[in-house]
Each structure stands twice: as C-alpha cells, then as structure tokens.
Amino acid sequence: MEVNCYFWISLGNLKSSVISVNPCLIFAISLPLTFHNVSSFYLSGVAPEDFLKGDPLYVKVNKLTSIRTQLPYSFYSVPFCPPENIIDSRENLGEVLRGDRIENSPYTFKMREPEMCHVVCRLVLDDKTAKEFKEKIEDEYRVNMILDNLPLVVPVRRVEQEAPPAYQQGVYIGVKGQYAGSKDEKHFIHNHLTFTVKYHKDLQTDSARIVGFEVMPFSVKHEYDGKWVDNTRLTTCDPHAKRTVSNSNSPQEVEANQEIIFTYDVEFQESDVKWASRWDAYLLMADDQIHWFSIVNSLMIVLFLSGMVAMIMLRTLYRDISKYNELETQEEAQEETGWKLVHSDVFRPPSNSDLLCVYVGTGVQFFGMMLVTMMFAVLGFLSPSNRGGLMTAMLLLWVFMGLFAGYSASRLYKMFKGTEWKRIALRTAFLFPATVFVIFFVLNALIWGQKSSGAVPFGTMFALVFLWFGISVPLVFVGSYVGFKKPTIEDPVKTNKIPRQIPEQAWYMNPIFSVLIGGILPFGAVFIELFFILTSIWLNQFYYLFGFLFIVFVILIVTCAEITIVLCYFQLCSEDYLWWWRSYLTSGSSALYLFLYATFYFFTKLDITKPVSGILYFGYMLIASYAFFVLTGTIGFYACFWFTRLIYSSVKID
C-alpha cells in the first residue's frame, strides 16, 4: 500500500500568489519524530500525475545554460524548431531571478508508445542563424527540457563500472570537431535526440508515473530522396525500415546555406523506482565520504576551541566565585587580574556605536533567514522539483525577519544610551539592502546588455522593491519600536566617566593581526562544503545535501562563537577594553577568506573567458561574502557580549 501525502506552497508569482496547505502537513512534520527506523524522508514539490497508455506527454523547454559564460538565454533566442504558438509558463519569483524561461515545445510524446525518427522540422541556415548556432556551440551551451517536472539529463558513465551513472543537466547544442584527415575545426549540431522516458507502472490500474527523463544526442546529416515535402521519408533513419540513428559518424555541420533536419526517437522503460524516489538518482553523490571528512575535521576544530573556552571559564568563573582567595602562581594572578582591572571601562559604548547596532540587527536578520531556510530544506519542503523555491523562500524569510533586525538593533542602541530609535531603524532597513541592490542593479544592467534571459524584468524588479519598501521596512520599524520600549539592558558593572589608558600591546595582540587570525578557523570549518556549493551554483550541478549543510552551519555557529570568546578573553587580559567592534570583526573576517577562496576557485575550476561573465562572478561572490561577513560577525559579537557580561557579573568588584 502506497500512501502519498503532499505539501506545496506557491509564492512570489508576479500575477497571483497562492498559498495552499493541506492537512498532511501535520503528519509530514510529525512523521520523522515518530518513526526512528525510516531510512529517508522526502516531501515533493508537486503532486504526482498518472498517465494511461496513449496519453499525451508535453515536453517543455527551459533556458539555455553555459558554465563558460554564466549567461542564460531563452530557448527560442536561437532558431530552434518552434511550435505553432509559443506559450510561456508562469514562473515564480525564484525562477525569474534564476533566469528560467519555461515554454512549450514541438516535442510531444504518447505515453508508452515508442516513436522512431520523428521529424520535428527542417531548417535552412542563413549567415545570421549559422553564426548564432556557432556562437552557442563555441560557448558550450546546453538545452534544458522538462517532462512532468523532471529535468532532462544525459547519463554519464562513472570510472567505476559498477557504480550508477552520473547525470549531466541538459544536452549540449553541439560540439566542435574535425573531419578525419583535416585540421580545420568545424561546428556540428546535435540534431537527433534519442529520449528515454522511465515510468513506474501501477499493476492495479494500468496507469504509470514518470520517474526518469534521459537523452542521448547525435549529430546526423539526414538524407532523403527527391524534393522535401512534409511527409518525406528519410534514408538515414526510417521507422518503416527499422533503421535507427546509433552514432554520429556522418555529422551535421553548421554552415550558411546548410540544411538541418531535426529528429528524435523516444523509447519507454519500465522502472522499479517509485515516484516519491525519482529524484534520488539525480541527487546521488558518489563522494559523500568527503562530506563526513569535512564534518569530522570541523568537529576537531570545535573540540579544540571548546577545550580552550572550558579552561578559560574554569580559571575565571570558578576562582572569581571564590573571590580570588587562593591564587597559585604570580603569573596566574597577573593574568586574571588583567581583565578585572578594566571593569570600569569594558562596557563603555564604542565609537560608531550606531553603525554597530545596524550591522548587528542585519546579522540577526540573516541568521533567522538562514536558520529557518535550513530547517525547511532539511525537512524536504524545498526539494529541487520546486524550481526557484529555495530562492523564493530565502527572499520572503529575509523580508519578514526585518522584524527581528529592528528589534535587536534598537535594543542594543538603547543600551548605548541612544534616543533616536527611528534613525537607527531607518539605517537598519536601508544600509545592507541598498548596498546589495546597487551591486545587483549594476550586474543586472550588464546582463541586460548581453540580451540574456538572466536579466531581471522590470516587473520583477518592481516586486523586489515592493517587498523591500512595502514589507521589510515597515517590519523593521515595528521591531525597532517594540525593542526600544523594552527596559534598557543594564551593565553588570558601572562605567567610569574618564576612560582608562590602554597599555602598549604585544605584537600578536595587534587588532589587525588578531582579527585576521580569528577568521581562519570559521572558514576552515566550512570551506569543503563551500566547494560543493560553488560547484552547484557555477557548474550547474545538483546540490541537495542540506543535512550535511545544516550540520556544518551549526559547527560554523559554534566555531565563530568560541574563537571570538577566546580572543576576547586574551584581549581583556591585556587590559584592552575596546572589544565591541573587534568581536564583530574577528569572526566576520572569515568572509575575507571566503572571497579569496572564491577567487582561487575562479582561476582553478572555472573556464570563464568573457569579461562580463567574470564581472558577474565576482559581483555575486562579493554580495555573498558581504552577507557572510554580517552573519558570522553577529554570531561572534553576541558570543563575546554574553561572555563579558557573564564574567563581570560573576565576580564581586572591590
């Protein structure tokens, strides 16, 4: 007995917004908590569709993508065979931002009825169309298609013969090559596609569900007798003569005045894979051991830092509670008296305290967005079958988390004796989003200049601005108002009016040096997982290891908190009480290493040659690094804030 329970949310559609939650949500959330021996837990993005024999299957086409240019284009921007009427599918906000443009196509099958050498259309290239095809083949563009919400993939055999095949998203438009005995490089187009539709059959109803959509491309110079008419039979492949295309020994060259005939075969294979598990093959990772290695490596860092923090807490709090009655050595006395000497200055408001409040509030907003997104992703609500769902969810969560950004910023602002909460709310609502929006707008203008489908349309840009000004900004003000009305956070010790002079510091306590050192360990805890995330984004591969990612995210939080506490303690022991900004920058400096790693990745893993594509890469990675700085900096700040309040409230100051 197979029970299907589905939960779906469709948000961010520019024409209409729909939110539908069925009663199975409660069951879906409680299921993993109830059954401990379940091997997997998966929530799909769409409900299954049953097909009877002979039912029509409509293949849709998506954007053309290239890892060399990172500039997507709509399918019909290149002169492929169009249907009678091109119909655009309605994309959600995330799909539009990804550059998805889903349209109908002339590829139509009938369920479980194989076809051989079906002619799609015949084209005669002129100079312009030949040039367009050559440019796309040169840049290694791939055609992306969708059948029953499954992406078209090309199976690629792994090195290990017994291992299941890997899957490449999309099929290359064509390839470059040479004729035997010639050194001239030619462009050949994949004009014949052999589709394989895999289905899981229901023995009781004789209906079937699609569980796989694969293709093998070929380049064939089709031939026929006589003049071309609509029902002309080809001699290179003929269903009546059972003659099929099985190789590209006689390829179709792309040149002006060349005739190209587009054809396809389709075969159907019954599969044991059930509909709920049909994405498993796409998301299969052959190298999951490296993820475990990453986690073990990160845990070693966490254990080391935890030991240091535990030692500090034992040496300070335990002896402080004992009121320093017994100090074993003079060195220990000098060390532990160091941080106690600055008790009258440690909670003195820092310079540029308003800016610190803004960045802390923004960091809280990011932290809330990331935490909730991770939780939904781990539970399976953001499955890859819901294209654009992850980006849509992150945008909406960012907007609604503005409430917590305003609250935390104004609470800190009031502690610093601030009085103008509206000003701090305004800066919190605009500083980070405005910076990102300016960079995004410039990058979008560059994409628009390339006539790419990745350029965000005016309507979507208006929707983003509305989310910002119409929802996020008011929520920041509401949060700031509520936070400012709360009682002021009282300092555990009094602050002198005259600041204490900071003694000369050792070279290793130099602010720049300690800040740069502090960012290494948080980055080291995540950089292996970062490699897979960058590969997913820039090399167009599937990433769905949110379980690993959530563990790494928790390790990142702990690492940022502990390294900041350790360095903050050393700083206070040196009688340097300017810890506010340094605590933020200590863990936040890991963003610098992230950007440096992204630069290393660009030059070693990517084959981007166009200047515009390079600018896009570094522009988007700059935004990601800036966001990472705000997130990790806030984690470090709150850890140090909690630590200083704890140690100074635990001792009796004479």
Foldseek 3Di string as FASTA:
>chain_A
DDDDDAAEAAAAFLVDGDHDGDPCVVVLVCVCVPDVPDPDRAHDHDDFDWAAFFAKWWKKWKWKAFLQQRFTAGPPVAPDQADPDKDWDGAGLLCLLSLITIITGQDMDTPQDWDAWAWRDKDAAAAVNLVVLVVQQVRFIFIWMAISLDIEWAWDQDPPNPDGTATDGGHTQWYWDDDPPDPDIFTFGQQEKEWEWEWAADPVPRIITTLDIYIDTEFADWAFPDDDDPPTATPCIGVVVRHHDDYHNPGQTRDHRGMGIHTYIYHYHYDPDDNSCSCVSQADDPPCVVLVVLLVVLVVLLVVLVVLVVVVCCLFLVCQLVVVPDDPDPVSVLLNVLLLVQLQPLPQQAPPNLVLLLLLLLLQLLVQLVVVLLVCLSSHNQPVSSPSPSVVSSLLSSQLSLLSSLQSSLLSCVLNVHDCSVVSLVCSLDVLVVVLVVLVVVLLVLSVVVVGSSRNDPSSVVVSVCSSVVGRSVSSVNSNVVNNPDDHDDFLDHHDPDHDDQDDDDPCLPLVNQLLVLQPSLLSSCVVVVVVVCCCSSVVGDDRVSVSVVSSVVSSLSSLLSSLQSSCSSCSSSVNSNSQQSLLSNNLCNLVVQLVVLVVCCVPPGNHDDPSSVSSSSSVSVSVSVSSSSNSSSSSNVSNVVNVSVSSNSHDRD
